[in-house]
Protein backbone atom coordinates (compact mmCIF):
# COMPACT_ATOMS: atom_id res chain seq x y z
CA MET A 1 8.65 -53.45 -38.43
CA LEU A 2 5.64 -55.54 -39.30
CA ALA A 3 4.94 -57.66 -42.37
CA VAL A 4 2.05 -60.01 -43.03
CA SER A 5 1.86 -63.13 -45.10
CA ASP A 6 -0.94 -65.35 -46.41
CA GLY A 7 1.50 -68.19 -46.87
CA LEU A 8 2.06 -67.31 -50.50
CA HIS A 9 2.69 -63.63 -50.62
CA LYS A 10 4.36 -61.34 -48.13
CA SER A 11 3.61 -57.66 -47.68
CA MET A 12 6.20 -54.96 -47.50
CA ALA A 13 7.44 -54.36 -43.95
CA VAL A 14 6.10 -51.16 -42.39
CA PRO A 15 6.71 -49.55 -39.03
CA PHE A 16 4.29 -50.64 -36.31
CA TYR A 17 4.00 -48.27 -33.37
CA VAL A 18 2.65 -49.12 -29.93
CA ILE A 19 1.90 -46.27 -27.59
CA ILE A 20 1.73 -47.13 -23.92
CA ASN A 21 0.01 -44.57 -21.73
CA SER A 22 1.11 -44.71 -18.11
CA VAL A 23 -1.61 -45.29 -15.55
CA ASN A 24 -1.46 -44.78 -11.81
CA ASP A 25 -2.51 -48.34 -10.99
CA GLU A 26 0.05 -49.46 -8.40
CA ILE A 27 -0.60 -48.97 -4.70
CA PRO A 28 2.43 -47.43 -2.97
CA ASP A 29 4.14 -49.40 -0.22
CA LEU A 30 4.80 -47.86 3.21
CA ARG A 31 7.17 -49.64 5.58
CA LEU A 32 7.72 -48.42 9.14
CA ARG A 33 10.27 -49.86 11.58
CA ASN A 34 9.43 -49.56 15.27
CA ILE A 35 11.87 -47.55 17.39
CA THR A 36 13.14 -47.58 20.96
CA ILE A 37 14.37 -44.42 22.64
CA MET A 38 15.38 -43.33 26.13
CA GLU A 39 12.95 -41.30 28.21
CA GLY A 40 13.33 -37.62 27.27
CA ASP A 41 15.36 -38.45 24.14
CA PHE A 42 14.55 -37.85 20.47
CA CYS A 43 14.76 -39.84 17.27
CA VAL A 44 15.09 -38.68 13.68
CA ILE A 45 12.63 -40.67 11.60
CA GLY A 46 14.42 -41.01 8.29
CA ARG A 47 15.11 -43.68 5.69
CA GLY A 48 16.18 -46.32 8.20
CA ILE A 49 12.81 -46.16 9.95
CA LEU A 50 10.47 -45.07 7.18
CA SER A 51 10.70 -46.33 3.61
CA THR A 52 8.39 -46.22 0.62
CA GLU A 53 8.12 -47.73 -2.82
CA ASP A 54 5.96 -46.87 -5.81
CA LEU A 55 6.01 -49.33 -8.71
CA ASP A 56 4.26 -46.99 -11.15
CA VAL A 57 6.36 -46.00 -14.17
CA PRO A 58 7.00 -43.14 -14.08
CA GLN A 59 6.81 -43.00 -10.30
CA ASP A 60 4.20 -40.71 -8.83
CA MET A 61 4.99 -37.98 -6.34
CA LEU A 62 4.39 -39.39 -2.87
CA SER A 63 3.22 -37.30 0.07
CA PHE A 64 2.98 -38.08 3.78
CA SER A 65 0.66 -36.88 6.49
CA ILE A 66 0.09 -37.84 10.11
CA ALA A 67 -3.30 -39.56 10.36
CA SER A 68 -3.31 -39.89 14.16
CA PRO A 69 -0.70 -38.08 16.24
CA PRO A 70 1.22 -39.66 19.09
CA GLY A 71 -0.15 -39.43 22.60
CA PHE A 72 2.67 -37.29 23.91
CA PRO A 73 4.70 -34.92 21.71
CA THR A 74 3.93 -34.21 18.08
CA PRO A 75 6.55 -35.25 15.52
CA THR A 76 8.18 -32.18 14.05
CA PRO A 77 9.13 -31.87 10.37
CA ALA A 78 12.86 -31.22 9.94
CA GLY A 79 13.56 -30.73 6.26
CA LEU A 80 12.86 -34.08 4.61
CA MET A 81 12.83 -35.91 7.93
CA LEU A 82 10.56 -36.14 10.93
CA VAL A 83 11.78 -35.81 14.52
CA TYR A 84 10.02 -37.53 17.43
CA MET A 85 10.95 -36.05 20.79
CA HIS A 86 9.77 -37.72 23.99
CA ASP A 87 8.29 -35.32 26.54
CA ASP A 88 10.29 -36.76 29.50
CA THR A 89 7.22 -38.19 31.20
CA GLU A 90 7.08 -41.69 32.65
CA SER A 91 5.25 -43.09 29.60
CA LEU A 92 6.73 -46.34 28.30
CA GLU A 93 5.24 -46.46 24.83
CA ASP A 94 3.71 -44.27 22.18
CA SER A 95 2.64 -44.55 18.53
CA PHE A 96 1.37 -42.54 15.63
CA THR A 97 -0.16 -43.38 12.28
CA MET A 98 1.13 -42.02 8.99
CA LYS A 99 -0.66 -41.83 5.65
CA LEU A 100 1.12 -42.15 2.31
CA THR A 101 -0.58 -41.19 -0.95
CA ASP A 102 0.40 -41.09 -4.59
CA GLY A 103 -2.61 -38.92 -5.45
CA LYS A 104 -4.90 -41.85 -6.20
CA HIS A 105 -4.12 -44.57 -3.65
CA THR A 106 -3.66 -44.00 0.09
CA VAL A 107 -2.10 -46.42 2.54
CA GLN A 108 -1.33 -46.00 6.21
CA GLY A 109 0.88 -47.58 8.81
CA THR A 110 1.51 -47.20 12.52
CA LEU A 111 4.94 -46.53 13.96
CA TYR A 112 5.33 -47.84 17.52
CA ILE A 113 7.75 -46.15 19.90
CA TYR A 114 9.06 -47.97 22.94
CA ILE A 115 10.49 -45.76 25.69
CA MET A 116 13.18 -46.99 28.04
CA PRO A 117 12.70 -45.37 31.48
CA VAL A 118 15.45 -43.36 33.12
CA ASN A 119 15.87 -43.35 36.89
CA ASP A 120 15.73 -39.56 37.18
CA GLU A 121 13.13 -39.03 39.89
CA ILE A 122 14.21 -37.40 43.16
CA PRO A 123 14.03 -39.92 46.01
CA HIS A 124 11.65 -39.06 48.85
CA LEU A 125 12.28 -40.08 52.45
CA SER A 126 9.28 -40.84 54.55
CA SER A 127 9.10 -42.11 58.07
CA CYS A 128 6.36 -43.77 59.95
CA ALA A 129 6.09 -42.62 63.56
CA ALA A 130 4.82 -45.45 65.71
């Protein structure tokens, strides 16, 4: 309710309405936690590794895409999660870049994958004849 006064007289109180139109003005936040896996293993990239936040009210629908794929296998969508599966090569690290958009703003981040080698190569015997 709103009433005005000139110091002498006061008006009758009337409703005063404020309409706030939501605007998509907040940039979403993308947080990625680096992972370590064993050679040949896989990792589900879910909430513990990937998290987002959108401060717009109401929140906008967020969508992900892979901006630059990893050097070895391609992450595979599994429902609402992503699965990274190492290709069992002798590579020790990998990474890929993800994009997050709310329809207006786009941010990206790189997820780094560290691979712990496994001693799984067949030993070879060689002899030097002198």
